[in-house]
Amino acid sequence: MSASTLNRTRVRPFPSSVLVAAGLVVGFAVAQGTGIRALGGAILIGTGLAAARLWVGRRGWAAAIGLGLLYLAAFVLSHVLTLGLGVPAWASVAVVTLVSAGVTWAVADRPREPRGA
């Protein structure tokens, strides 16, 4: 590969929405599978912090705070749906994951139009 080919190759950034989805789903699966809720919480926090680092770099602090609050709200809402409304646990996790990952993609991961285009 020549240097000019390397310069033209565009690397796509890792989507933070994948971290959001993984944190919610894997965190729940680990907590449920092992019976150690703190372990699931550690996964949730770790993926949330990794996503937040990407959000700050891509969209700034305001977007990162908003998306972080959405991530936290999704975690809480999954519990409300299950414990308060009787929705099956995996269904509530799936719903909040789809919504929060979708919003995260739209806000932080979707390619932006070049300015002036």
Protein backbone atom coordinates (compact mmCIF):
# COMPACT_ATOMS: atom_id res chain seq x y z
CA MET A 1 0.00 0.00 0.00
CA SER A 2 1.32 3.38 -0.90
CA ALA A 3 1.25 6.41 1.35
CA SER A 4 -1.36 8.07 -0.87
CA THR A 5 -3.66 5.06 -0.47
CA LEU A 6 -3.25 5.19 3.30
CA ASN A 7 -4.07 8.89 3.34
CA ARG A 8 -7.28 8.33 1.37
CA THR A 9 -8.49 5.51 3.59
CA ARG A 10 -11.03 6.89 6.02
CA VAL A 11 -11.35 5.11 9.34
CA ARG A 12 -14.88 5.08 10.67
CA PRO A 13 -15.11 5.95 14.34
CA PHE A 14 -16.36 3.29 16.72
CA PRO A 15 -20.08 3.87 17.35
CA SER A 16 -20.81 4.82 20.95
CA SER A 17 -24.33 3.42 20.51
CA VAL A 18 -22.75 -0.05 20.54
CA LEU A 19 -21.27 0.70 23.95
CA VAL A 20 -24.66 1.89 25.20
CA ALA A 21 -26.39 -1.27 23.96
CA ALA A 22 -23.66 -3.53 25.31
CA GLY A 23 -23.65 -1.84 28.70
CA LEU A 24 -27.38 -2.27 29.19
CA VAL A 25 -27.72 -5.79 27.77
CA VAL A 26 -24.46 -7.34 28.94
CA GLY A 27 -24.66 -5.64 32.31
CA PHE A 28 -28.13 -7.10 32.87
CA ALA A 29 -27.14 -10.53 31.55
CA VAL A 30 -24.09 -10.72 33.81
CA ALA A 31 -26.03 -9.52 36.87
CA GLN A 32 -28.79 -12.02 36.22
CA GLY A 33 -26.51 -14.89 35.22
CA THR A 34 -24.06 -14.59 38.07
CA GLY A 35 -26.41 -13.27 40.72
CA ILE A 36 -23.84 -10.56 41.46
CA ARG A 37 -25.60 -7.29 40.73
CA ALA A 38 -22.48 -5.26 41.43
CA LEU A 39 -20.67 -7.05 38.60
CA GLY A 40 -23.43 -6.09 36.18
CA GLY A 41 -23.29 -2.55 37.54
CA ALA A 42 -19.54 -2.42 36.95
CA ILE A 43 -20.09 -3.36 33.31
CA LEU A 44 -22.82 -0.73 33.03
CA ILE A 45 -20.56 1.96 34.51
CA GLY A 46 -17.50 0.94 32.50
CA THR A 47 -19.27 1.01 29.15
CA GLY A 48 -21.01 4.25 30.11
CA LEU A 49 -17.70 5.93 30.89
CA ALA A 50 -16.17 4.67 27.64
CA ALA A 51 -19.16 6.02 25.70
CA ALA A 52 -18.99 9.34 27.57
CA ARG A 53 -15.37 9.76 26.53
CA LEU A 54 -16.42 9.36 22.90
CA TRP A 55 -19.37 11.76 23.32
CA VAL A 56 -17.23 14.52 24.76
CA GLY A 57 -14.75 14.21 21.92
CA ARG A 58 -17.40 14.09 19.20
CA ARG A 59 -20.17 16.41 20.36
CA GLY A 60 -18.96 18.20 23.48
CA TRP A 61 -19.90 18.25 27.13
CA ALA A 62 -23.56 19.25 26.72
CA ALA A 63 -24.32 16.27 24.49
CA ALA A 64 -22.28 13.97 26.73
CA ILE A 65 -24.21 15.02 29.83
CA GLY A 66 -27.53 14.63 28.04
CA LEU A 67 -26.64 11.19 26.69
CA GLY A 68 -25.28 10.14 30.08
CA LEU A 69 -28.57 11.11 31.69
CA LEU A 70 -30.43 9.16 29.00
CA TYR A 71 -28.26 6.10 29.73
CA LEU A 72 -28.98 6.38 33.45
CA ALA A 73 -32.70 6.93 32.78
CA ALA A 74 -32.78 3.80 30.59
CA PHE A 75 -31.32 1.76 33.43
CA VAL A 76 -33.88 3.12 35.89
CA LEU A 77 -36.78 2.78 33.45
CA SER A 78 -35.98 -0.87 32.82
CA HIS A 79 -36.45 -1.47 36.55
CA VAL A 80 -39.67 0.56 36.65
CA LEU A 81 -41.10 -1.38 33.71
CA THR A 82 -40.24 -4.71 35.29
CA LEU A 83 -40.87 -4.11 38.97
CA GLY A 84 -43.61 -1.51 38.70
CA LEU A 85 -45.55 -2.60 35.63
CA GLY A 86 -44.76 -6.30 35.48
CA VAL A 87 -43.11 -6.26 32.06
CA PRO A 88 -40.78 -9.26 31.64
CA ALA A 89 -37.22 -8.25 32.52
CA TRP A 90 -35.64 -9.04 29.16
CA ALA A 91 -38.43 -7.20 27.33
CA SER A 92 -37.90 -4.06 29.39
CA VAL A 93 -34.14 -4.22 28.87
CA ALA A 94 -34.68 -4.68 25.13
CA VAL A 95 -37.02 -1.69 24.87
CA VAL A 96 -34.83 0.74 26.80
CA THR A 97 -31.74 -0.49 24.95
CA LEU A 98 -33.28 0.05 21.52
CA VAL A 99 -34.46 3.55 22.42
CA SER A 100 -31.28 4.71 24.14
CA ALA A 101 -28.95 3.22 21.50
CA GLY A 102 -31.07 4.77 18.75
CA VAL A 103 -31.00 8.21 20.32
CA THR A 104 -27.28 7.87 20.96
CA TRP A 105 -26.66 6.99 17.32
CA ALA A 106 -28.73 9.97 16.15
CA VAL A 107 -27.00 12.43 18.47
CA ALA A 108 -23.41 11.19 18.62
CA ASP A 109 -22.71 8.62 15.90
CA ARG A 110 -24.62 9.65 12.79
CA PRO A 111 -22.38 11.18 10.13
CA ARG A 112 -22.88 14.94 9.91
CA GLU A 113 -23.36 16.94 6.76
CA PRO A 114 -20.32 19.02 5.91
CA ARG A 115 -20.85 22.67 6.78
CA GLY A 116 -21.81 24.82 3.83
CA ALA A 117 -23.11 21.85 1.85
